[in-house]
Amino acid sequence: MRTLGGRYRLDQRIGLGGMSEVWRGHDRVLDRPVAIKIMAPEWDGTGNRSVDRVRTEARSAARLVHPNVASVHDFGTSALPTDQQVPYIVMELVEGETLGAHLASGPLDWRIALRVGAEVSAALAAAHTHGIVHRDIKPGNVILTPAGAKVLDFGIAAPAGGRHADDGTVLGTPAYTAPESFDGTAATPAADMYALGVLLYLCLTGRLPWPSETAPALLRSPRQVEPEPLPPVAGLPADVADLVHRCLAEEPTHRPTSLVAALLLAEAVDARVYVPMRDMPVPRPRPGRTSPWTEEAANAATEAAPMDADLR
């Protein structure tokens, strides 16, 4: 069988995309299963720039140590017969079902949807604290496990302020891409929050937040249609419906932060998530309303707790 770096055995290909392929593998040194993401050679014909970019991304992702983030273990390169160096990233192998596969049978119960959203938001809060924007939050990049949701694939993540790929293409999945990203605006945490809004809308309703007749065009071009209001969901707290609406705001500054989303969603279903409170300011209540985001509530929310084991 093929081995990378004299250490990582490739056992089975489990994913294939335009820029990479993912393999289930085995770390022969530490004797553990791993996931190995190998970048496609044609992603960058010059080779060196591709290697440098992936190394930078791997270093950024490796700084994220969080219960809802799939860990990055290692980075390396493998030589092709042409002597071109192909970069690869070794990651935690997360066992479970993708949120996308789970949604194939319809929307989630709102309580489960909010637990998943809280954990995805907590993962983003950790990333945003480190100045990292994921840029591809979508159902296929969220795995549901008995221990909770895990966000995968920071492989196209970028430091906040980073722009498009060198060839000018927008990185990310169009249906979840914030409107400003199509205009060449620098990547910011607000773009991730737009994607979170689309994700929550899909989890709660089973569809994207646009009329079905416009969906094909939206997948190919910048937003020309405003997202539809979230339809009534029995039992869903009004604050959560408002959060989804604000996540989908066209103006990035009108979107909530990942910390606010994590705490509000966790509060709504009496869940606990880990958020980096020591590194992020505690949001203050808006004038004229009572808020669960007090310092006492925020401190209570910083403990990590598993999601119900029956989510799958």
Protein backbone atom coordinates (compact mmCIF):
# COMPACT_ATOMS: atom_id res chain seq x y z
CA MET A 1 0.00 0.00 0.00
CA ARG A 2 1.07 3.59 -0.58
CA THR A 3 2.76 5.33 2.35
CA LEU A 4 3.39 9.07 2.74
CA GLY A 5 6.49 10.33 4.49
CA GLY A 6 7.42 6.80 5.50
CA ARG A 7 4.77 7.06 8.19
CA TYR A 8 1.18 7.41 6.95
CA ARG A 9 -0.40 4.41 5.22
CA LEU A 10 -3.24 5.16 2.82
CA ASP A 11 -6.01 2.62 3.36
CA GLN A 12 -9.16 3.90 1.62
CA ARG A 13 -10.18 7.02 -0.24
CA ILE A 14 -13.21 8.51 1.53
CA GLY A 15 -13.60 11.87 -0.20
CA LEU A 16 -12.85 13.56 -3.51
CA GLY A 17 -13.19 17.23 -4.42
CA GLY A 18 -11.94 19.72 -6.95
CA MET A 19 -8.87 20.67 -4.93
CA SER A 20 -8.13 17.57 -2.89
CA GLU A 21 -8.85 13.98 -2.01
CA VAL A 22 -9.23 12.60 1.50
CA TRP A 23 -8.03 9.17 2.62
CA ARG A 24 -8.61 7.07 5.68
CA GLY A 25 -5.11 6.19 6.77
CA HIS A 26 -3.00 4.85 9.58
CA ASP A 27 -0.20 6.56 11.48
CA ARG A 28 2.42 3.84 11.76
CA VAL A 29 4.42 5.73 14.38
CA LEU A 30 1.63 6.44 16.86
CA ASP A 31 -0.49 3.45 15.75
CA ARG A 32 -3.73 5.34 15.26
CA PRO A 33 -6.22 5.98 12.45
CA VAL A 34 -6.02 9.36 10.72
CA ALA A 35 -7.57 11.28 7.86
CA ILE A 36 -5.14 12.45 5.18
CA LYS A 37 -6.03 15.27 2.82
CA ILE A 38 -3.88 15.28 -0.33
CA MET A 39 -4.02 18.36 -2.50
CA ALA A 40 -4.61 17.78 -6.21
CA PRO A 41 -1.46 18.42 -8.33
CA GLU A 42 -3.39 20.54 -10.83
CA TRP A 43 -4.52 22.91 -8.07
CA ASP A 44 -1.39 24.97 -8.64
CA GLY A 45 0.87 24.27 -11.59
CA THR A 46 3.84 26.06 -10.06
CA GLY A 47 4.07 23.63 -7.16
CA ASN A 48 5.99 25.70 -4.62
CA ARG A 49 3.29 28.31 -4.08
CA SER A 50 0.77 25.52 -3.52
CA VAL A 51 3.00 23.88 -0.89
CA ASP A 52 3.61 27.17 0.92
CA ARG A 53 -0.09 28.01 1.00
CA VAL A 54 -1.15 24.62 2.37
CA ARG A 55 1.64 24.69 4.96
CA THR A 56 0.40 28.09 6.15
CA GLU A 57 -3.19 26.84 6.32
CA ALA A 58 -2.13 23.71 8.21
CA ARG A 59 -0.25 25.80 10.75
CA SER A 60 -3.29 28.02 11.26
CA ALA A 61 -5.63 25.06 11.72
CA ALA A 62 -3.19 23.29 14.07
CA ARG A 63 -3.57 26.18 16.52
CA LEU A 64 -7.25 25.33 16.97
CA VAL A 65 -7.63 23.00 19.93
CA HIS A 66 -11.35 22.72 20.59
CA PRO A 67 -13.82 19.88 21.20
CA ASN A 68 -15.85 20.88 18.13
CA VAL A 69 -12.92 21.21 15.71
CA ALA A 70 -11.27 18.28 13.92
CA SER A 71 -7.60 18.50 14.93
CA VAL A 72 -4.70 18.87 12.50
CA HIS A 73 -1.81 16.55 13.37
CA ASP A 74 0.83 16.99 10.69
CA PHE A 75 1.84 18.43 7.32
CA GLY A 76 4.08 16.98 4.64
CA THR A 77 4.77 16.68 0.94
CA SER A 78 4.92 13.73 -1.41
CA ALA A 79 6.84 13.67 -4.69
CA LEU A 80 5.08 12.76 -7.93
CA PRO A 81 6.92 10.94 -10.75
CA THR A 82 7.47 14.41 -12.24
CA ASP A 83 9.27 15.44 -9.02
CA GLN A 84 6.49 17.93 -8.27
CA GLN A 85 5.83 18.15 -4.53
CA VAL A 86 2.21 17.56 -3.56
CA PRO A 87 1.24 18.79 -0.07
CA TYR A 88 -0.87 16.79 2.34
CA ILE A 89 -2.41 17.44 5.75
CA VAL A 90 -2.87 14.74 8.39
CA MET A 91 -5.98 15.25 10.51
CA GLU A 92 -8.06 13.63 13.20
CA LEU A 93 -10.27 10.92 11.71
CA VAL A 94 -13.79 11.84 12.80
CA GLU A 95 -16.24 8.94 12.79
CA GLY A 96 -19.87 9.85 12.26
CA GLU A 97 -22.43 11.07 9.75
CA THR A 98 -22.20 14.41 8.00
CA LEU A 99 -24.91 16.93 8.75
CA GLY A 100 -25.63 16.92 5.02
CA ALA A 101 -26.38 13.19 5.04
CA HIS A 102 -28.58 13.62 8.09
CA LEU A 103 -30.54 16.43 6.44
CA ALA A 104 -31.28 14.25 3.40
CA SER A 105 -34.23 12.85 5.33
CA GLY A 106 -35.61 16.29 6.21
CA PRO A 107 -35.14 19.12 8.71
CA LEU A 108 -33.93 18.49 12.23
CA ASP A 109 -35.98 18.87 15.37
CA TRP A 110 -35.38 22.49 16.36
CA ARG A 111 -33.72 21.49 19.64
CA ILE A 112 -31.18 19.33 17.85
CA ALA A 113 -30.68 22.00 15.19
CA LEU A 114 -29.85 24.54 17.89
CA ARG A 115 -27.44 22.18 19.66
CA VAL A 116 -25.61 21.60 16.38
CA GLY A 117 -25.63 25.33 15.66
CA ALA A 118 -24.30 26.12 19.14
CA GLU A 119 -21.39 23.75 18.70
CA VAL A 120 -20.56 24.98 15.20
CA SER A 121 -20.70 28.55 16.54
CA ALA A 122 -18.38 27.60 19.41
CA ALA A 123 -15.90 26.12 16.93
CA LEU A 124 -16.05 29.33 14.90
CA ALA A 125 -15.56 31.43 18.04
CA ALA A 126 -12.34 29.53 18.72
CA ALA A 127 -11.19 30.07 15.14
CA HIS A 128 -12.12 33.73 15.08
CA THR A 129 -10.20 34.28 18.32
CA HIS A 130 -7.10 33.09 16.46
CA GLY A 131 -7.86 35.36 13.50
CA ILE A 132 -8.94 32.43 11.31
CA VAL A 133 -11.95 32.43 8.99
CA HIS A 134 -13.21 29.01 7.90
CA ARG A 135 -14.79 30.22 4.62
CA ASP A 136 -16.61 26.96 3.85
CA ILE A 137 -19.15 26.28 6.59
CA LYS A 138 -21.71 23.89 5.09
CA PRO A 139 -23.48 20.62 6.04
CA GLY A 140 -20.78 18.48 4.41
CA ASN A 141 -18.15 20.00 6.70
CA VAL A 142 -20.01 19.22 9.93
CA ILE A 143 -19.88 15.70 11.35
CA LEU A 144 -22.41 14.51 13.95
CA THR A 145 -20.82 12.16 16.46
CA PRO A 146 -22.01 10.77 19.81
CA ALA A 147 -19.67 13.27 21.50
CA GLY A 148 -20.97 16.29 19.58
CA ALA A 149 -20.65 18.11 16.28
CA LYS A 150 -17.20 18.53 14.76
CA VAL A 151 -16.29 21.12 12.13
CA LEU A 152 -14.02 19.73 9.44
CA ASP A 153 -11.84 21.12 6.71
CA PHE A 154 -10.05 24.27 7.59
CA GLY A 155 -8.14 23.44 4.39
CA ILE A 156 -9.23 26.66 2.69
CA ALA A 157 -9.31 28.63 5.90
CA ALA A 158 -7.58 31.99 5.79
CA PRO A 159 -6.39 34.60 8.27
CA ALA A 160 -9.00 37.29 8.79
CA GLY A 161 -8.39 39.88 6.08
CA GLY A 162 -7.24 37.28 3.56
CA ARG A 163 -8.80 37.56 0.11
CA HIS A 164 -9.64 35.26 -2.77
CA ALA A 165 -7.37 32.60 -4.21
CA ASP A 166 -4.49 33.84 -6.36
CA ASP A 167 -6.49 33.19 -9.52
CA GLY A 168 -9.33 35.41 -8.29
CA THR A 169 -11.81 32.61 -7.58
CA VAL A 170 -14.07 32.80 -4.55
CA LEU A 171 -13.15 30.12 -2.03
CA GLY A 172 -16.13 28.35 -0.48
CA THR A 173 -19.49 26.88 -1.51
CA PRO A 174 -21.64 29.48 -3.36
CA ALA A 175 -24.92 28.78 -1.55
CA TYR A 176 -23.23 29.53 1.79
CA THR A 177 -21.01 32.38 0.61
CA ALA A 178 -21.65 35.87 1.99
CA PRO A 179 -22.65 38.51 -0.60
CA GLU A 180 -19.58 40.65 0.01
CA SER A 181 -17.27 37.73 -0.83
CA PHE A 182 -18.38 37.88 -4.46
CA ASP A 183 -17.10 41.46 -4.65
CA GLY A 184 -13.56 40.61 -3.59
CA THR A 185 -14.02 41.81 -0.02
CA ALA A 186 -11.45 40.54 2.48
CA ALA A 187 -12.42 37.44 4.43
CA THR A 188 -13.84 38.28 7.86
CA PRO A 189 -15.62 36.35 10.63
CA ALA A 190 -18.88 37.95 9.43
CA ALA A 191 -18.68 35.80 6.28
CA ASP A 192 -18.69 32.67 8.45
CA MET A 193 -21.72 34.00 10.30
CA TYR A 194 -23.62 34.39 7.03
CA ALA A 195 -22.87 30.74 6.26
CA LEU A 196 -24.03 29.80 9.77
CA GLY A 197 -27.34 31.57 9.08
CA VAL A 198 -27.85 29.54 5.90
CA LEU A 199 -26.92 26.36 7.81
CA LEU A 200 -29.39 27.06 10.62
CA TYR A 201 -32.15 27.93 8.14
CA LEU A 202 -31.56 24.65 6.32
CA CYS A 203 -31.51 22.63 9.56
CA LEU A 204 -34.79 24.18 10.73
CA THR A 205 -36.72 24.09 7.43
CA GLY A 206 -35.03 21.51 5.22
CA ARG A 207 -34.38 24.04 2.45
CA LEU A 208 -32.21 27.04 1.57
CA PRO A 209 -33.52 30.54 2.39
CA TRP A 210 -34.45 31.51 -1.15
CA PRO A 211 -37.38 30.69 -3.44
CA SER A 212 -36.82 27.36 -5.19
CA GLU A 213 -37.04 28.96 -8.65
CA THR A 214 -34.07 31.23 -7.89
CA ALA A 215 -31.86 28.63 -6.19
CA PRO A 216 -30.01 27.44 -9.35
CA ALA A 217 -28.96 30.99 -10.22
CA LEU A 218 -27.88 31.68 -6.65
CA LEU A 219 -25.51 28.74 -6.78
CA ARG A 220 -23.72 30.30 -9.76
CA SER A 221 -23.66 34.03 -9.09
CA PRO A 222 -23.75 36.71 -6.37
CA ARG A 223 -26.96 37.27 -4.44
CA GLN A 224 -29.68 38.97 -6.46
CA VAL A 225 -32.53 37.99 -4.12
CA GLU A 226 -32.90 38.66 -0.41
CA PRO A 227 -33.19 35.58 1.82
CA GLU A 228 -36.75 34.68 2.73
CA PRO A 229 -37.86 35.17 6.35
CA LEU A 230 -37.62 32.06 8.49
CA PRO A 231 -41.09 30.45 8.49
CA PRO A 232 -42.69 29.72 11.86
CA VAL A 233 -41.20 26.70 13.64
CA ALA A 234 -43.31 25.42 16.53
CA GLY A 235 -41.54 26.01 19.83
CA LEU A 236 -38.58 27.92 18.36
CA PRO A 237 -37.63 30.85 20.63
CA ALA A 238 -38.12 34.26 19.06
CA ASP A 239 -34.52 35.23 19.89
CA VAL A 240 -33.27 32.33 17.76
CA ALA A 241 -35.43 33.29 14.78
CA ASP A 242 -34.05 36.82 15.14
CA LEU A 243 -30.50 35.44 15.26
CA VAL A 244 -30.99 33.56 11.98
CA HIS A 245 -32.38 36.72 10.40
CA ARG A 246 -29.40 38.78 11.58
CA CYS A 247 -26.88 36.18 10.41
CA LEU A 248 -28.33 36.56 6.91
CA ALA A 249 -28.07 40.35 6.92
CA GLU A 250 -26.53 41.76 3.75
CA GLU A 251 -24.45 44.21 5.76
CA PRO A 252 -21.64 42.28 7.52
CA THR A 253 -21.61 44.61 10.53
CA HIS A 254 -25.25 43.75 11.24
CA ARG A 255 -24.47 40.07 11.79
CA PRO A 256 -23.90 38.70 15.30
CA THR A 257 -20.52 37.40 16.38
CA SER A 258 -19.80 33.70 16.73
CA LEU A 259 -19.58 34.13 20.50
CA VAL A 260 -23.03 35.69 20.70
CA ALA A 261 -24.49 32.93 18.49
CA ALA A 262 -22.87 30.16 20.54
CA LEU A 263 -24.17 31.51 23.85
CA LEU A 264 -27.68 32.31 22.61
CA LEU A 265 -28.16 28.95 20.89
CA ALA A 266 -26.76 27.02 23.86
CA GLU A 267 -28.97 28.98 26.26
CA ALA A 268 -32.06 28.22 24.17
CA VAL A 269 -31.67 24.45 24.62
CA ASP A 270 -29.93 24.44 28.02
CA ALA A 271 -26.72 23.13 26.47
CA ARG A 272 -23.11 23.87 27.32
CA VAL A 273 -20.41 24.69 24.83
CA TYR A 274 -16.80 25.71 25.19
CA VAL A 275 -16.13 29.28 24.11
CA PRO A 276 -12.85 31.20 24.57
CA MET A 277 -14.19 33.74 27.07
CA ARG A 278 -10.75 34.79 28.28
CA ASP A 279 -9.88 35.96 24.79
CA MET A 280 -13.18 37.51 23.70
CA PRO A 281 -15.29 40.32 25.21
CA VAL A 282 -18.60 39.40 26.81
CA PRO A 283 -21.45 40.84 24.69
CA ARG A 284 -23.58 43.38 26.53
CA PRO A 285 -27.40 43.40 26.46
CA ARG A 286 -29.03 45.70 23.97
CA PRO A 287 -30.83 48.67 25.63
CA GLY A 288 -34.31 47.88 26.87
CA ARG A 289 -34.10 44.10 26.95
CA THR A 290 -32.97 41.34 29.24
CA SER A 291 -30.20 39.21 27.81
CA PRO A 292 -28.89 35.73 28.69
CA TRP A 293 -25.42 36.98 27.70
CA THR A 294 -24.51 38.30 31.16
CA GLU A 295 -21.04 37.65 32.47
CA GLU A 296 -22.42 35.08 34.93
CA ALA A 297 -24.25 33.20 32.17
CA ALA A 298 -21.24 33.45 29.88
CA ASN A 299 -18.95 31.96 32.51
CA ALA A 300 -21.38 29.10 33.08
CA ALA A 301 -21.39 28.37 29.36
CA THR A 302 -17.65 27.88 29.08
CA GLU A 303 -17.67 24.24 30.14
CA ALA A 304 -17.70 21.71 27.31
CA ALA A 305 -20.46 19.11 27.40
CA PRO A 306 -21.34 16.37 24.90
CA MET A 307 -24.37 16.55 22.68
CA ASP A 308 -27.03 13.88 23.20
CA ALA A 309 -25.78 10.54 21.92
CA ASP A 310 -28.94 9.90 19.87
CA LEU A 311 -28.41 12.77 17.43
CA ARG A 312 -27.42 10.35 14.73
